[in-house]
């Protein structure tokens, strides 16, 4: 038992020597670049006329690499991962003094943004890209 505890158990096979002609395992590609949601970045409004509003409920939402800002809520993007229909964003939000977590699925094509909220029975909202200044 003392021999087995030291890892020198004579009943265990020794190290395996690879065949000299065996192919080498593939090289480790190293860390991959994190994916980003760059096509979602910018200001988006439910109606184009709202793009010029800076206050109130009828104003654009803003998406950056790290933030998702809307009317009466401010969210940090905790994680972003690509999915078949765009990106899934994990948000940590502050609204009316309360912290909440939410998942949003977002897809953008040219100047249209579609948000889907799986935590809200799959509710969806569509937005139009606001012109950049």
Protein backbone atom coordinates (compact mmCIF):
# COMPACT_ATOMS: atom_id res chain seq x y z
CA UNK A 1 0.00 0.00 0.00
CA UNK A 2 2.90 2.35 0.77
CA UNK A 3 4.29 1.80 -2.74
CA UNK A 4 0.89 2.56 -4.33
CA UNK A 5 0.56 5.76 -2.33
CA UNK A 6 3.81 7.06 -3.81
CA UNK A 7 2.66 6.41 -7.36
CA UNK A 8 5.11 3.53 -7.88
CA UNK A 9 2.58 0.72 -8.02
CA UNK A 10 4.24 -2.09 -10.00
CA UNK A 11 0.79 -3.16 -11.27
CA UNK A 12 0.20 0.19 -13.05
CA UNK A 13 1.57 0.54 -16.58
CA UNK A 14 4.45 2.94 -17.12
CA UNK A 15 4.51 5.91 -19.50
CA UNK A 16 3.44 5.22 -23.08
CA UNK A 17 6.03 5.95 -25.75
CA UNK A 18 4.37 7.27 -28.94
CA UNK A 19 4.99 5.62 -32.27
CA UNK A 20 7.76 7.48 -34.13
CA UNK A 21 5.63 7.77 -37.30
CA UNK A 22 2.43 8.85 -35.50
CA UNK A 23 1.12 12.26 -36.60
CA UNK A 24 1.60 15.10 -34.15
CA UNK A 25 -1.50 16.47 -32.44
CA UNK A 26 -2.72 19.78 -33.85
CA UNK A 27 -1.02 22.87 -32.44
CA UNK A 28 -2.94 24.77 -29.81
CA UNK A 29 -4.30 27.85 -31.61
CA UNK A 30 -4.09 29.84 -28.39
CA UNK A 31 -6.76 32.17 -27.10
CA UNK A 32 -9.33 33.39 -29.57
CA UNK A 33 -10.32 37.00 -29.96
CA UNK A 34 -13.51 37.76 -28.06
CA UNK A 35 -16.44 38.40 -30.34
CA UNK A 36 -18.11 41.74 -30.16
CA UNK A 37 -21.47 43.05 -31.13
CA UNK A 38 -20.18 45.95 -33.25
CA UNK A 39 -23.14 45.90 -35.65
CA UNK A 40 -25.40 46.77 -32.69
CA UNK A 41 -23.47 49.86 -31.63
CA UNK A 42 -25.19 53.22 -31.87
CA UNK A 43 -28.43 54.97 -31.12
CA UNK A 44 -31.71 53.24 -32.01
CA UNK A 45 -35.26 54.61 -31.82
CA UNK A 46 -38.69 53.05 -32.11
CA UNK A 47 -39.57 55.83 -34.57
CA UNK A 48 -37.09 57.90 -36.61
CA UNK A 49 -38.62 61.14 -35.27
CA UNK A 50 -37.46 60.13 -31.77
CA UNK A 51 -33.79 60.21 -32.78
CA UNK A 52 -33.42 63.91 -31.91
CA UNK A 53 -34.99 63.54 -28.44
CA UNK A 54 -32.58 63.50 -25.51
CA UNK A 55 -35.06 63.13 -22.62
CA UNK A 56 -38.30 61.36 -21.87
CA UNK A 57 -39.66 57.98 -22.90
CA UNK A 58 -39.68 58.83 -26.62
CA UNK A 59 -35.92 58.85 -27.06
CA UNK A 60 -33.38 56.43 -28.52
CA UNK A 61 -31.66 53.61 -26.72
CA UNK A 62 -27.86 53.55 -26.92
CA UNK A 63 -25.75 50.41 -27.27
CA UNK A 64 -21.97 50.50 -26.78
CA UNK A 65 -19.47 47.70 -26.28
CA UNK A 66 -20.09 47.84 -22.52
CA UNK A 67 -23.45 49.57 -22.00
CA UNK A 68 -27.13 49.25 -22.97
CA UNK A 69 -28.86 52.51 -22.06
CA UNK A 70 -32.57 53.18 -22.31
CA UNK A 71 -35.32 55.25 -20.77
CA UNK A 72 -35.27 54.80 -16.98
CA UNK A 73 -32.71 51.99 -17.09
CA UNK A 74 -28.98 51.71 -17.37
CA UNK A 75 -27.38 48.34 -18.04
CA UNK A 76 -23.86 47.00 -18.10
CA UNK A 77 -23.28 44.38 -20.77
CA UNK A 78 -21.81 41.59 -18.66
CA UNK A 79 -21.35 39.20 -21.59
CA UNK A 80 -21.97 39.12 -25.32
CA UNK A 81 -21.93 35.96 -27.38
CA UNK A 82 -22.79 35.31 -30.99
CA UNK A 83 -25.87 33.22 -31.72
CA UNK A 84 -27.44 32.17 -35.02
CA UNK A 85 -29.67 35.24 -35.21
CA UNK A 86 -27.25 37.89 -33.89
CA UNK A 87 -25.96 38.26 -30.34
CA UNK A 88 -27.13 37.32 -26.89
CA UNK A 89 -26.37 40.01 -24.33
CA UNK A 90 -26.36 39.36 -20.60
CA UNK A 91 -27.26 42.61 -18.88
CA UNK A 92 -26.97 43.84 -15.30
CA UNK A 93 -29.38 46.76 -15.05
CA UNK A 94 -30.19 49.54 -12.64
CA UNK A 95 -33.75 50.84 -12.81
CA UNK A 96 -35.59 52.79 -10.15
CA UNK A 97 -32.98 51.86 -7.55
CA UNK A 98 -33.20 48.12 -8.23
CA UNK A 99 -30.58 45.86 -9.80
CA UNK A 100 -31.86 43.21 -12.19
CA UNK A 101 -30.31 40.73 -14.60
CA UNK A 102 -31.74 40.18 -18.03
CA UNK A 103 -30.91 38.44 -21.27
CA UNK A 104 -31.54 40.19 -24.58
CA UNK A 105 -31.14 38.68 -28.04
CA UNK A 106 -30.29 41.34 -30.59
CA UNK A 107 -29.91 41.27 -34.34
CA UNK A 108 -29.16 44.18 -36.65
CA UNK A 109 -29.40 44.39 -40.41
CA UNK A 110 -28.32 47.67 -41.94
CA UNK A 111 -30.50 50.23 -40.15
CA UNK A 112 -32.94 47.91 -38.34
CA UNK A 113 -32.49 46.42 -34.87
CA UNK A 114 -34.63 43.66 -33.42
CA UNK A 115 -34.53 42.92 -29.69
CA UNK A 116 -36.03 39.78 -28.22
CA UNK A 117 -36.49 39.29 -24.49
CA UNK A 118 -36.59 35.58 -23.57
CA UNK A 119 -37.15 36.48 -19.90
CA UNK A 120 -40.29 38.41 -20.91
CA UNK A 121 -42.10 35.59 -22.73
CA UNK A 122 -40.14 36.30 -25.92
CA UNK A 123 -41.41 39.87 -26.35
CA UNK A 124 -39.79 41.59 -29.33
CA UNK A 125 -39.21 45.23 -30.20
CA UNK A 126 -37.97 46.77 -33.46
CA UNK A 127 -35.86 49.91 -33.78
CA UNK A 128 -34.43 52.12 -36.52
CA UNK A 129 -30.80 53.29 -36.44
CA UNK A 130 -30.47 56.99 -35.70
CA UNK A 131 -28.11 58.94 -37.94
CA UNK A 132 -24.68 59.37 -36.34
CA UNK A 133 -23.54 62.90 -35.74
